Amino acid sequence: MLKVLTILSTALSLVAVYTGMIALFTFKKRVPYAKAAPKTRFLVIIPARNEESVIANLIAALRRQDYPKEKFDIVVAANNCTDHTAEVSRAAGVSVFECTGAITCKGDVLHQVIERYLPEKYDAFAFFDADNLPDPGFLSAMNDALCAGERVCKCRLKAGNAFDSWVSGNYGIYHAMMEWVFSRPHAAAGFSSNLVGTGYVVHREVFERLGGWNTKSMCEDSEFGAICASIGVRVAWVYEALSYDEQVTGFWTSMRQRLRWCSGMVEAAHYRLPALLKSDVPKRGVALDFAMTFILAHTQPLATVLMILALPWYPKWMFLTMGASACLSAIGIMLLSVLICKLGGYPIKKMVPAILLSPIFMVSWAPLQILALVTPVKRWSPIAHTGQDDVEKAA
């Protein structure tokens, strides 16, 4: 048991060291993309299932873009809605694409809508969840990145309701941490940033190379990022593009959502890790770097399980230090959360409940990662949205 634990811990340590080395690139000076003329013609795609309470807010936010109105269209991909999502969308003056057949995950929706609109010669496709509120400069910033040669671009994401509960606040901290510890440094190093499933843009050239949208897993965003990496296309992180997202406010709803994320990551790795490791494209480093993300998703929970199973073999003195170590770790997590709030633009005074309870939120990832390996989620379940995002509070 100890031998297996040692091997797995060593593998995890190597991945952690690599991740830490890449994270240092977050201190590299960021060079903004040069301002470009509005050349890109966008199709904004909004996958939606029973989102009548929030869809109009997103459409209104898109109407406020400082990008030429004739340069982008909006389509709502209605996924077998039983409410008035389609009617509200049409009343707001946008097109509605009605999905057909069995839909088991968001990837199925995107497959249908890209198949329908790819022939219409849009230059790029922007993707938003229905509860998002993009900043007015979103499309302009993405146009700058695309004109600079990027082909898949991810925005900054902030919690629009970060102050509603300690849970939504911790989502804000989590997304900011992923941006400063993962997306920003990986992009600075020339690798892929973290492709979260909203607020991103894909150039039509990518879909033409891939033959459309072809993900299979519950975690379509990470899987699509892996597919891109396997052909040498990185996900760029566009700091100037910003979108606000309504986050879950209840802890148990959060657990259910994050279990789906963890399960989807494991499933995506099952489908795409071999291709990443075997990739022989010129930019192979992009593929191998992305493979590390999938490897970490497996080694981290396995190491946790083995550490628990190995408890009978631990020397007694280790148990005496565990309490002190747990307290120090909790303090470290809270201090890190304060720093992340500062970097992410969240007022620390308003984030006190989230900061104080951040150790609980962070530790709660461990059982979810383990469950994802043994009892994977096979079906997507909707999260109710209220449309109560307050961008001014989160700004």
Protein backbone atom coordinates (compact mmCIF):
# COMPACT_ATOMS: atom_id res chain seq x y z
CA MET A 1 0.00 0.00 0.00
CA LEU A 2 2.74 2.45 0.98
CA LYS A 3 4.65 1.64 -2.21
CA VAL A 4 1.62 2.40 -4.38
CA LEU A 5 0.96 5.57 -2.39
CA THR A 6 4.57 6.65 -2.84
CA ILE A 7 4.43 6.14 -6.61
CA LEU A 8 1.14 8.00 -6.95
CA SER A 9 2.25 10.79 -4.64
CA THR A 10 5.43 11.17 -6.66
CA ALA A 11 3.43 11.43 -9.89
CA LEU A 12 1.13 14.00 -8.29
CA SER A 13 4.12 15.94 -6.98
CA LEU A 14 5.68 16.08 -10.44
CA VAL A 15 2.44 17.39 -11.94
CA ALA A 16 2.16 19.90 -9.08
CA VAL A 17 5.73 21.09 -9.63
CA TYR A 18 5.06 21.51 -13.35
CA THR A 19 1.83 23.40 -12.64
CA GLY A 20 3.66 25.61 -10.13
CA MET A 21 6.39 26.41 -12.63
CA ILE A 22 3.85 27.42 -15.28
CA ALA A 23 1.97 29.49 -12.67
CA LEU A 24 5.03 31.74 -12.36
CA PHE A 25 4.21 33.06 -15.83
CA THR A 26 1.33 34.96 -14.23
CA PHE A 27 3.95 37.61 -13.34
CA LYS A 28 4.93 38.04 -16.98
CA LYS A 29 3.89 41.45 -18.24
CA ARG A 30 0.68 41.16 -20.23
CA VAL A 31 0.72 42.77 -23.67
CA PRO A 32 -2.82 43.80 -24.76
CA TYR A 33 -3.96 42.91 -28.25
CA ALA A 34 -3.69 45.82 -30.68
CA LYS A 35 -6.95 47.60 -31.40
CA ALA A 36 -8.34 46.43 -34.74
CA ALA A 37 -11.05 47.57 -37.09
CA PRO A 38 -14.34 45.66 -36.56
CA LYS A 39 -13.76 43.04 -39.26
CA THR A 40 -15.18 39.92 -37.61
CA ARG A 41 -18.78 38.94 -38.27
CA PHE A 42 -20.01 37.09 -35.18
CA LEU A 43 -22.87 34.73 -34.54
CA VAL A 44 -23.67 34.80 -30.82
CA ILE A 45 -25.08 31.43 -29.73
CA ILE A 46 -27.06 31.05 -26.49
CA PRO A 47 -27.89 27.42 -25.55
CA ALA A 48 -30.98 27.60 -23.35
CA ARG A 49 -33.35 25.24 -21.58
CA ASN A 50 -36.20 26.88 -19.68
CA GLU A 51 -34.42 30.21 -19.23
CA GLU A 52 -37.35 32.62 -19.60
CA SER A 53 -36.37 34.43 -16.39
CA VAL A 54 -32.90 35.46 -17.61
CA ILE A 55 -32.73 35.27 -21.41
CA ALA A 56 -34.05 38.80 -22.00
CA ASN A 57 -31.35 40.27 -19.73
CA LEU A 58 -28.60 38.62 -21.79
CA ILE A 59 -30.11 39.73 -25.09
CA ALA A 60 -30.35 43.31 -23.77
CA ALA A 61 -26.69 43.17 -22.68
CA LEU A 62 -25.70 41.97 -26.15
CA ARG A 63 -27.65 44.84 -27.69
CA ARG A 64 -25.47 47.22 -25.65
CA GLN A 65 -22.23 45.98 -27.24
CA ASP A 66 -20.03 48.76 -28.57
CA TYR A 67 -19.48 46.64 -31.69
CA PRO A 68 -21.26 47.51 -34.98
CA LYS A 69 -24.75 46.00 -34.85
CA GLU A 70 -24.57 44.84 -38.46
CA LYS A 71 -21.49 42.78 -37.57
CA PHE A 72 -23.18 40.28 -35.26
CA ASP A 73 -26.36 38.23 -35.04
CA ILE A 74 -27.88 36.43 -32.06
CA VAL A 75 -29.49 33.00 -32.01
CA VAL A 76 -31.03 31.22 -29.03
CA ALA A 77 -30.65 27.43 -29.25
CA ALA A 78 -33.81 26.32 -27.45
CA ASN A 79 -33.27 22.87 -25.97
CA ASN A 80 -36.74 21.29 -25.68
CA CYS A 81 -37.98 24.15 -23.51
CA THR A 82 -41.27 23.75 -21.66
CA ASP A 83 -41.51 27.42 -20.67
CA HIS A 84 -41.59 30.62 -22.75
CA THR A 85 -37.86 30.90 -23.54
CA ALA A 86 -38.45 30.78 -27.31
CA GLU A 87 -41.30 33.29 -27.18
CA VAL A 88 -39.37 35.74 -24.99
CA SER A 89 -36.37 35.48 -27.32
CA ARG A 90 -38.40 36.11 -30.46
CA ALA A 91 -40.12 39.05 -28.79
CA ALA A 92 -36.66 40.48 -28.10
CA GLY A 93 -35.95 40.32 -31.84
CA VAL A 94 -33.47 37.44 -32.08
CA SER A 95 -33.56 34.17 -34.01
CA VAL A 96 -34.51 30.92 -32.29
CA PHE A 97 -33.12 27.53 -33.29
CA GLU A 98 -35.29 24.70 -31.99
CA CYS A 99 -33.21 21.61 -31.12
CA THR A 100 -34.63 18.26 -32.20
CA GLY A 101 -34.21 14.68 -31.05
CA ALA A 102 -32.75 13.40 -27.79
CA ILE A 103 -30.47 15.89 -26.02
CA THR A 104 -28.34 14.38 -23.26
CA CYS A 105 -25.86 17.20 -22.74
CA LYS A 106 -24.96 20.71 -23.85
CA GLY A 107 -22.59 19.33 -26.46
CA ASP A 108 -25.56 17.83 -28.33
CA VAL A 109 -27.12 21.29 -28.56
CA LEU A 110 -23.92 22.87 -29.85
CA HIS A 111 -23.48 20.11 -32.42
CA GLN A 112 -26.89 20.86 -33.92
CA VAL A 113 -26.60 24.64 -33.94
CA ILE A 114 -23.07 24.69 -35.43
CA GLU A 115 -24.15 22.21 -38.11
CA ARG A 116 -27.00 24.56 -38.99
CA TYR A 117 -25.10 27.88 -39.04
CA LEU A 118 -21.55 26.99 -40.11
CA PRO A 119 -22.50 27.16 -43.84
CA GLU A 120 -23.66 30.77 -43.42
CA LYS A 121 -20.09 32.11 -43.47
CA TYR A 122 -19.91 33.82 -40.12
CA ASP A 123 -16.28 34.53 -39.25
CA ALA A 124 -16.57 33.45 -35.62
CA PHE A 125 -19.03 32.06 -33.09
CA ALA A 126 -19.45 33.44 -29.57
CA PHE A 127 -21.00 31.27 -26.85
CA PHE A 128 -22.87 32.42 -23.73
CA ASP A 129 -24.97 30.69 -21.11
CA ALA A 130 -28.39 32.30 -20.70
CA ASP A 131 -27.58 33.75 -17.25
CA ASN A 132 -24.54 35.71 -18.48
CA LEU A 133 -24.16 39.48 -18.80
CA PRO A 134 -21.23 40.42 -21.08
CA ASP A 135 -19.45 43.73 -20.68
CA PRO A 136 -20.18 46.20 -23.54
CA GLY A 137 -16.64 45.81 -24.88
CA PHE A 138 -16.75 42.00 -25.11
CA LEU A 139 -17.09 41.57 -28.89
CA SER A 140 -14.66 44.39 -29.63
CA ALA A 141 -12.01 42.77 -27.43
CA MET A 142 -12.58 39.39 -29.06
CA ASN A 143 -12.34 40.97 -32.50
CA ASP A 144 -8.93 42.39 -31.52
CA ALA A 145 -7.71 38.93 -30.48
CA LEU A 146 -9.03 37.22 -33.61
CA CYS A 147 -7.48 39.88 -35.86
CA ALA A 148 -4.17 39.23 -34.05
CA GLY A 149 -4.33 35.59 -35.15
CA GLU A 150 -5.99 33.82 -32.20
CA ARG A 151 -8.54 31.18 -33.13
CA VAL A 152 -10.14 30.20 -29.80
CA CYS A 153 -10.52 32.91 -27.15
CA LYS A 154 -11.74 32.89 -23.55
CA CYS A 155 -12.87 35.91 -21.56
CA ARG A 156 -12.48 36.86 -17.91
CA LEU A 157 -15.42 35.61 -15.88
CA LYS A 158 -16.77 37.25 -12.72
CA ALA A 159 -19.60 36.22 -10.43
CA GLY A 160 -22.44 38.68 -10.96
CA ASN A 161 -24.00 37.68 -7.63
CA ALA A 162 -20.82 37.17 -5.59
CA PHE A 163 -22.28 38.85 -2.51
CA ASP A 164 -25.55 36.89 -2.39
CA SER A 165 -24.14 34.02 -0.31
CA TRP A 166 -20.85 32.55 0.85
CA VAL A 167 -21.25 29.87 -1.85
CA SER A 168 -21.65 32.28 -4.77
CA GLY A 169 -18.79 34.29 -3.31
CA ASN A 170 -16.57 31.22 -3.35
CA TYR A 171 -17.48 30.57 -6.97
CA GLY A 172 -16.20 34.07 -7.68
CA ILE A 173 -12.98 33.31 -5.79
CA TYR A 174 -12.62 29.98 -7.59
CA HIS A 175 -13.01 31.47 -11.08
CA ALA A 176 -10.61 34.31 -10.25
CA MET A 177 -8.09 31.82 -8.87
CA MET A 178 -8.31 29.68 -12.01
CA GLU A 179 -7.68 32.76 -14.12
CA TRP A 180 -4.66 34.00 -12.16
CA VAL A 181 -3.14 30.60 -11.36
CA PHE A 182 -4.03 28.77 -14.58
CA SER A 183 -5.45 30.75 -17.51
CA ARG A 184 -3.25 33.85 -17.35
CA PRO A 185 0.08 32.01 -16.86
CA HIS A 186 -0.70 29.25 -19.36
CA ALA A 187 -1.65 31.82 -21.98
CA ALA A 188 1.51 33.81 -21.21
CA ALA A 189 3.57 30.64 -21.68
CA GLY A 190 1.95 30.01 -25.07
CA PHE A 191 -0.34 27.21 -23.90
CA SER A 192 -4.13 26.91 -23.49
CA SER A 193 -6.07 28.80 -20.86
CA ASN A 194 -8.93 27.17 -18.97
CA LEU A 195 -11.97 26.94 -21.27
CA VAL A 196 -14.98 27.33 -18.97
CA GLY A 197 -18.25 26.68 -20.80
CA THR A 198 -19.33 30.27 -21.39
CA GLY A 199 -17.95 33.56 -22.64
CA TYR A 200 -15.70 32.20 -25.36
CA VAL A 201 -15.28 32.64 -29.12
CA VAL A 202 -14.26 30.15 -31.82
CA HIS A 203 -13.15 31.11 -35.33
CA ARG A 204 -14.91 29.28 -38.13
CA GLU A 205 -11.55 27.86 -39.34
CA VAL A 206 -11.44 25.65 -36.25
CA PHE A 207 -14.89 24.17 -36.89
CA GLU A 208 -14.01 23.63 -40.54
CA ARG A 209 -10.91 21.67 -39.50
CA LEU A 210 -12.85 19.64 -36.94
CA GLY A 211 -15.97 19.12 -39.03
CA GLY A 212 -18.22 20.94 -36.56
CA TRP A 213 -18.81 20.48 -32.83
CA ASN A 214 -18.08 16.88 -31.87
CA THR A 215 -17.83 16.57 -28.09
CA LYS A 216 -19.27 13.54 -26.30
CA SER A 217 -18.89 14.23 -22.58
CA MET A 218 -20.81 16.15 -19.91
CA CYS A 219 -17.87 18.56 -19.75
CA GLU A 220 -18.08 19.84 -23.32
CA ASP A 221 -15.95 22.91 -22.62
CA SER A 222 -12.85 21.08 -21.36
CA GLU A 223 -13.30 18.39 -23.98
CA PHE A 224 -13.47 20.98 -26.75
CA GLY A 225 -10.35 22.64 -25.35
CA ALA A 226 -8.63 19.25 -25.46
CA ILE A 227 -9.73 18.65 -29.06
CA CYS A 228 -8.31 22.03 -30.04
CA ALA A 229 -5.05 21.35 -28.18
CA SER A 230 -4.66 17.98 -29.93
CA ILE A 231 -4.52 19.78 -33.29
CA GLY A 232 -2.21 22.49 -31.97
CA VAL A 233 -4.81 25.23 -31.43
CA ARG A 234 -4.53 26.94 -28.07
CA VAL A 235 -7.23 28.75 -26.08
CA ALA A 236 -6.17 32.39 -25.70
CA TRP A 237 -7.10 34.34 -22.56
CA VAL A 238 -8.45 37.77 -23.46
CA TYR A 239 -8.25 39.97 -20.37
CA GLU A 240 -10.13 42.86 -21.98
CA ALA A 241 -13.20 40.67 -22.64
CA LEU A 242 -15.32 40.38 -19.50
CA SER A 243 -18.57 38.58 -18.72
CA TYR A 244 -20.61 38.21 -15.53
CA ASP A 245 -22.14 34.87 -14.59
CA GLU A 246 -24.91 34.04 -12.12
CA GLN A 247 -23.52 31.54 -9.64
CA VAL A 248 -25.24 28.95 -7.47
CA THR A 249 -26.05 30.24 -3.96
CA GLY A 250 -26.91 26.98 -2.13
CA PHE A 251 -24.20 24.60 -0.91
CA TRP A 252 -25.88 21.30 -1.83
CA THR A 253 -26.87 22.59 -5.26
CA SER A 254 -23.24 23.60 -5.63
CA MET A 255 -22.12 20.09 -4.70
CA ARG A 256 -24.39 18.61 -7.35
CA GLN A 257 -23.15 21.03 -10.00
CA ARG A 258 -19.48 20.55 -9.19
CA LEU A 259 -19.87 16.77 -9.13
CA ARG A 260 -21.13 17.04 -12.71
CA TRP A 261 -18.11 19.17 -13.58
CA CYS A 262 -15.68 16.67 -12.01
CA SER A 263 -17.42 13.72 -13.61
CA GLY A 264 -17.42 15.45 -16.98
CA MET A 265 -13.69 16.14 -16.66
CA VAL A 266 -12.98 12.45 -16.05
CA GLU A 267 -15.21 11.50 -18.97
CA ALA A 268 -13.56 14.05 -21.25
CA ALA A 269 -10.14 12.68 -20.29
CA HIS A 270 -11.31 9.18 -21.19
CA TYR A 271 -12.22 10.37 -24.68
CA ARG A 272 -9.38 12.81 -25.39
CA LEU A 273 -6.28 12.07 -23.28
CA PRO A 274 -4.89 9.44 -25.71
CA ALA A 275 -5.07 11.88 -28.62
CA LEU A 276 -3.33 14.57 -26.58
CA LEU A 277 -0.46 12.24 -25.66
CA LYS A 278 -0.10 10.98 -29.23
CA SER A 279 -0.41 14.38 -30.90
CA ASP A 280 2.37 15.04 -33.41
CA VAL A 281 1.31 18.48 -34.60
CA PRO A 282 3.98 21.23 -34.78
CA LYS A 283 2.70 22.83 -31.55
CA ARG A 284 2.78 19.57 -29.61
CA GLY A 285 3.59 21.39 -26.38
CA VAL A 286 0.04 22.77 -26.32
CA ALA A 287 -1.34 19.22 -26.40
CA LEU A 288 1.04 17.83 -23.76
CA ASP A 289 0.39 20.76 -21.44
CA PHE A 290 -3.36 20.22 -21.71
CA ALA A 291 -2.84 16.51 -21.00
CA MET A 292 -1.44 17.49 -17.60
CA THR A 293 -4.85 18.88 -16.65
CA PHE A 294 -6.51 15.53 -17.32
CA ILE A 295 -3.74 13.61 -15.52
CA LEU A 296 -4.17 15.83 -12.45
CA ALA A 297 -7.92 15.15 -12.45
CA HIS A 298 -7.12 11.45 -11.90
CA THR A 299 -4.00 11.45 -9.73
CA GLN A 300 -5.28 13.98 -7.17
CA PRO A 301 -8.38 12.03 -6.01
CA LEU A 302 -6.56 8.70 -6.19
CA ALA A 303 -3.79 10.04 -3.97
CA THR A 304 -6.40 11.27 -1.47
CA VAL A 305 -8.05 7.82 -1.34
CA LEU A 306 -4.74 6.04 -0.87
CA MET A 307 -3.69 8.47 1.86
CA ILE A 308 -6.89 7.63 3.76
CA LEU A 309 -6.40 3.88 3.25
CA ALA A 310 -2.81 4.15 4.45
CA LEU A 311 -3.77 5.72 7.80
CA PRO A 312 -3.15 2.46 9.75
CA TRP A 313 0.49 2.56 8.66
CA TYR A 314 1.10 6.19 9.66
CA PRO A 315 3.43 6.70 12.65
CA LYS A 316 1.68 8.04 15.76
CA TRP A 317 3.50 11.36 15.71
CA MET A 318 1.84 12.21 12.38
CA PHE A 319 -1.61 12.11 13.97
CA LEU A 320 -0.46 14.59 16.60
CA THR A 321 0.46 17.10 13.91
CA MET A 322 -2.64 16.67 11.73
CA GLY A 323 -4.77 19.08 13.75
CA ALA A 324 -2.15 21.81 13.61
CA SER A 325 -1.61 21.18 9.90
CA ALA A 326 -5.37 21.42 9.24
CA CYS A 327 -5.57 24.76 11.06
CA LEU A 328 -2.57 26.16 9.21
CA SER A 329 -4.02 24.96 5.89
CA ALA A 330 -7.35 26.65 6.63
CA ILE A 331 -5.59 29.91 7.46
CA GLY A 332 -3.54 29.59 4.27
CA ILE A 333 -6.68 29.09 2.17
CA MET A 334 -8.31 32.17 3.72
CA LEU A 335 -5.22 34.31 3.10
CA LEU A 336 -5.05 33.06 -0.48
CA SER A 337 -8.75 33.93 -0.88
CA VAL A 338 -8.05 37.49 0.29
CA LEU A 339 -5.30 37.81 -2.33
CA ILE A 340 -7.50 36.33 -5.06
CA CYS A 341 -10.34 38.73 -4.18
CA LYS A 342 -7.89 41.59 -4.54
CA LEU A 343 -6.64 40.34 -7.91
CA GLY A 344 -10.14 39.49 -9.11
CA GLY A 345 -11.59 42.89 -8.27
CA TYR A 346 -13.94 41.80 -5.45
CA PRO A 347 -14.25 44.20 -2.46
CA ILE A 348 -12.81 42.26 0.47
CA LYS A 349 -15.26 43.73 3.01
CA LYS A 350 -18.21 42.34 1.05
CA MET A 351 -16.51 38.97 0.63
CA VAL A 352 -15.81 38.27 4.32
CA PRO A 353 -18.35 35.40 4.66
CA ALA A 354 -16.96 33.74 1.53
CA ILE A 355 -13.36 34.19 2.70
CA LEU A 356 -14.04 32.77 6.19
CA LEU A 357 -15.79 29.72 4.74
CA SER A 358 -13.45 29.25 1.78
CA PRO A 359 -11.68 26.28 3.46
CA ILE A 360 -15.00 24.39 3.50
CA PHE A 361 -15.61 25.15 -0.17
CA MET A 362 -12.09 24.12 -1.18
CA VAL A 363 -12.04 20.92 0.88
CA SER A 364 -15.45 19.93 -0.47
CA TRP A 365 -13.86 19.40 -3.89
CA ALA A 366 -12.04 16.29 -2.58
CA PRO A 367 -15.07 13.97 -2.14
CA LEU A 368 -16.52 15.22 -5.42
CA GLN A 369 -13.35 14.30 -7.30
CA ILE A 370 -13.38 10.84 -5.73
CA LEU A 371 -17.08 10.28 -6.47
CA ALA A 372 -16.50 11.34 -10.07
CA LEU A 373 -14.12 8.40 -10.50
CA VAL A 374 -16.42 5.77 -9.01
CA THR A 375 -19.97 7.02 -9.71
CA PRO A 376 -19.83 9.27 -12.78
CA VAL A 377 -22.79 11.52 -13.59
CA LYS A 378 -24.29 10.42 -16.88
CA ARG A 379 -27.04 12.96 -17.34
CA TRP A 380 -27.14 16.73 -17.25
CA SER A 381 -29.61 18.33 -14.81
CA PRO A 382 -30.58 22.03 -15.07
CA ILE A 383 -29.69 24.68 -12.50
CA ALA A 384 -32.44 27.21 -11.86
CA HIS A 385 -31.52 30.85 -12.54
CA THR A 386 -33.21 33.87 -10.98
CA GLY A 387 -31.94 36.69 -13.17
CA GLN A 388 -30.80 38.59 -10.08
CA ASP A 389 -27.20 39.23 -11.19
CA ASP A 390 -26.11 42.69 -10.08
CA VAL A 391 -23.20 43.70 -12.27
CA GLU A 392 -22.69 46.98 -10.43
CA LYS A 393 -22.24 45.12 -7.14
CA ALA A 394 -19.74 42.71 -8.66
CA ALA A 395 -17.76 45.31 -10.59
